[in-house]
Amino acid sequence: MGIRNYLIGGVSGAGKTTVCNELQQRGYHAIHGDRELAYQGDPETGTPTDGFKPEHHIWDVDKVKTLVANQDEAVTFFCGGLRNFPKFIDLFDDVFVLEVDLETSLRRIDERVALDPTDWGGRPEEREISSRLYQTKEGIPKNGIIIDATAPIDHVVDEIIRQSEENKHQ
């Protein structure tokens, strides 16, 4: 969707949805990948799977490719967690990784679940999985631009915008 396209990822509770909302409020084209592109499927084949497993939280590769190929927007931010990013990470101009400490991650998950008890992290086994994924960094791109997501949301989004503007000139 953008002439320049960026992926924004991070562990559960890092602030991906909040960043996406803030980018949209500022007038940027930002896609909630977890809402608009995600489904449960095999990360290698893309074949849909039954039930829920964090390792099967993937994005529709063809939809991502179609959105990236569309040049209607100057810049598009794709926000969310996914396991199959190696299938299309090379389509992005850069990757931002929102980084928080485990305490912040779990606190934010608790706050989110307090508003919606069905949200991810509300069950003890989901909380355990979130803690494990935080420790292992499974599903997080390795060479992304690290953004301190413990900062206030305005600062986090300002830094993402600054870095994306800076990188377009390189």
Protein backbone atom coordinates (compact mmCIF):
# COMPACT_ATOMS: atom_id res chain seq x y z
CA MET A 1 0.00 0.00 0.00
CA GLY A 2 2.92 2.28 0.41
CA ILE A 3 5.80 3.40 -1.70
CA ARG A 4 7.69 2.67 1.51
CA ASN A 5 6.55 -0.17 3.78
CA TYR A 6 7.55 -0.90 7.36
CA LEU A 7 6.86 -3.81 9.69
CA ILE A 8 6.36 -3.06 13.39
CA GLY A 9 6.66 -6.12 15.62
CA GLY A 10 7.40 -7.09 19.19
CA VAL A 11 6.34 -9.42 21.97
CA SER A 12 2.81 -9.48 23.36
CA GLY A 13 2.25 -6.32 25.36
CA ALA A 14 4.99 -4.37 23.56
CA GLY A 15 2.46 -1.88 22.18
CA LYS A 16 1.95 -2.89 18.54
CA THR A 17 -1.79 -2.15 18.55
CA THR A 18 -1.36 1.11 20.45
CA VAL A 19 1.35 2.25 18.02
CA CYS A 20 -0.87 1.34 15.07
CA ASN A 21 -3.78 3.31 16.53
CA GLU A 22 -1.54 6.33 17.15
CA LEU A 23 -0.12 6.20 13.61
CA GLN A 24 -3.67 6.12 12.23
CA GLN A 25 -4.71 9.05 14.45
CA ARG A 26 -1.79 11.03 13.04
CA GLY A 27 -3.00 10.34 9.51
CA TYR A 28 -0.56 7.60 8.55
CA HIS A 29 -1.65 4.50 6.69
CA ALA A 30 -1.25 1.73 9.27
CA ILE A 31 -2.57 -1.81 9.09
CA HIS A 32 -3.54 -3.84 12.16
CA GLY A 33 -1.98 -7.07 10.94
CA ASP A 34 -3.35 -9.09 13.85
CA ARG A 35 -6.88 -8.03 12.91
CA GLU A 36 -6.70 -7.67 9.13
CA LEU A 37 -4.14 -10.23 7.96
CA ALA A 38 -3.80 -12.90 10.65
CA TYR A 39 -5.19 -16.39 10.88
CA GLN A 40 -4.18 -19.74 12.37
CA GLY A 41 -2.06 -21.65 9.90
CA ASP A 42 1.11 -23.62 9.30
CA PRO A 43 3.98 -21.08 9.13
CA GLU A 44 5.71 -23.04 6.34
CA THR A 45 2.80 -23.90 4.06
CA GLY A 46 0.15 -21.35 5.04
CA THR A 47 -2.43 -24.13 5.32
CA PRO A 48 -5.11 -23.14 7.86
CA THR A 49 -5.06 -25.08 11.15
CA ASP A 50 -7.68 -25.71 13.81
CA GLY A 51 -7.56 -24.33 17.34
CA PHE A 52 -5.12 -21.74 18.57
CA LYS A 53 -1.36 -22.09 18.88
CA PRO A 54 0.88 -19.02 19.08
CA GLU A 55 3.29 -20.61 16.63
CA HIS A 56 0.42 -20.79 14.10
CA HIS A 57 -0.39 -17.08 14.32
CA ILE A 58 0.53 -16.10 10.77
CA TRP A 59 -0.34 -13.48 8.18
CA ASP A 60 -1.75 -14.15 4.73
CA VAL A 61 1.38 -13.88 2.54
CA ASP A 62 -0.55 -13.12 -0.66
CA LYS A 63 -2.47 -10.29 1.04
CA VAL A 64 0.78 -8.82 2.39
CA LYS A 65 2.37 -8.98 -1.07
CA THR A 66 -0.70 -7.35 -2.66
CA LEU A 67 -0.75 -4.55 -0.08
CA VAL A 68 2.98 -3.88 -0.45
CA ALA A 69 2.68 -3.80 -4.25
CA ASN A 70 -0.02 -1.10 -4.11
CA GLN A 71 1.66 2.31 -4.37
CA ASP A 72 -1.34 4.47 -3.37
CA GLU A 73 0.22 5.60 -0.09
CA ALA A 74 3.58 7.28 0.51
CA VAL A 75 4.20 5.02 3.51
CA THR A 76 2.42 2.09 5.12
CA PHE A 77 3.10 0.60 8.54
CA PHE A 78 2.18 -3.06 9.11
CA CYS A 79 1.74 -3.63 12.86
CA GLY A 80 1.42 -6.93 14.66
CA GLY A 81 2.88 -10.24 15.69
CA LEU A 82 3.36 -13.09 13.29
CA ARG A 83 5.33 -16.27 12.88
CA ASN A 84 5.78 -16.41 9.14
CA PHE A 85 7.54 -13.07 8.61
CA PRO A 86 10.53 -14.79 6.91
CA LYS A 87 8.15 -15.45 3.97
CA PHE A 88 7.91 -11.73 3.16
CA ILE A 89 10.24 -9.69 5.40
CA ASP A 90 12.34 -8.75 2.38
CA LEU A 91 9.35 -6.75 1.04
CA PHE A 92 9.71 -4.19 3.83
CA ASP A 93 12.01 -1.18 3.71
CA ASP A 94 12.74 -1.69 7.38
CA VAL A 95 11.51 -3.48 10.48
CA PHE A 96 10.92 -1.86 13.86
CA VAL A 97 10.94 -4.03 16.97
CA LEU A 98 9.13 -2.61 19.98
CA GLU A 99 11.10 -3.62 23.04
CA VAL A 100 9.83 -3.71 26.62
CA ASP A 101 10.89 -5.51 29.80
CA LEU A 102 8.95 -8.58 30.92
CA GLU A 103 7.24 -6.72 33.78
CA THR A 104 5.90 -4.08 31.37
CA SER A 105 4.79 -6.73 28.89
CA LEU A 106 2.83 -8.66 31.54
CA ARG A 107 1.36 -5.48 33.07
CA ARG A 108 0.09 -4.36 29.67
CA ILE A 109 -1.37 -7.79 28.99
CA ASP A 110 -3.17 -7.61 32.37
CA GLU A 111 -4.52 -4.14 31.51
CA ARG A 112 -5.73 -5.37 28.13
CA VAL A 113 -7.40 -8.45 29.63
CA ALA A 114 -9.09 -6.30 32.29
CA LEU A 115 -10.87 -4.50 29.43
CA ASP A 116 -11.58 -7.70 27.48
CA PRO A 117 -11.25 -10.99 29.38
CA THR A 118 -11.24 -12.92 26.08
CA ASP A 119 -8.11 -11.11 24.85
CA TRP A 120 -4.80 -12.98 24.56
CA GLY A 121 -3.06 -13.49 27.89
CA GLY A 122 -6.12 -13.85 30.09
CA ARG A 123 -5.68 -17.55 30.77
CA PRO A 124 -2.77 -18.86 32.87
CA GLU A 125 -1.41 -20.98 30.01
CA GLU A 126 -1.45 -17.93 27.70
CA ARG A 127 0.42 -15.90 30.28
CA GLU A 128 3.02 -18.70 30.52
CA ILE A 129 3.37 -18.73 26.74
CA SER A 130 3.77 -14.94 26.67
CA SER A 131 6.52 -15.17 29.30
CA ARG A 132 8.29 -17.95 27.37
CA LEU A 133 8.07 -16.06 24.08
CA TYR A 134 9.42 -12.95 25.80
CA GLN A 135 12.44 -14.94 27.00
CA THR A 136 13.12 -16.73 23.70
CA LYS A 137 12.14 -13.87 21.34
CA GLU A 138 10.57 -16.49 19.07
CA GLY A 139 8.72 -14.85 16.21
CA ILE A 140 10.61 -11.55 16.51
CA PRO A 141 12.73 -10.37 13.56
CA LYS A 142 16.40 -10.41 14.59
CA ASN A 143 17.81 -7.40 12.74
CA GLY A 144 15.11 -4.82 13.27
CA ILE A 145 15.52 -1.29 14.53
CA ILE A 146 14.97 -1.47 18.29
CA ILE A 147 12.47 1.04 19.68
CA ASP A 148 12.16 1.53 23.45
CA ALA A 149 8.43 0.93 23.81
CA THR A 150 8.45 1.63 27.55
CA ALA A 151 8.53 5.33 26.63
CA PRO A 152 5.27 7.30 26.30
CA ILE A 153 3.36 6.44 23.11
CA ASP A 154 3.99 9.88 21.58
CA HIS A 155 7.73 9.37 21.93
CA VAL A 156 7.59 5.81 20.56
CA VAL A 157 5.66 6.87 17.46
CA ASP A 158 7.80 10.01 17.00
CA GLU A 159 10.89 7.78 16.97
CA ILE A 160 9.38 5.35 14.44
CA ILE A 161 8.42 8.23 12.16
CA ARG A 162 11.83 9.88 12.56
CA GLN A 163 13.65 6.65 11.74
CA SER A 164 11.39 5.90 8.76
CA GLU A 165 11.93 9.41 7.38
CA GLU A 166 15.67 9.17 7.95
CA ASN A 167 15.85 5.79 6.23
CA LYS A 168 14.01 6.97 3.11
CA HIS A 169 17.01 9.17 2.27
CA GLN A 170 19.53 6.35 2.45
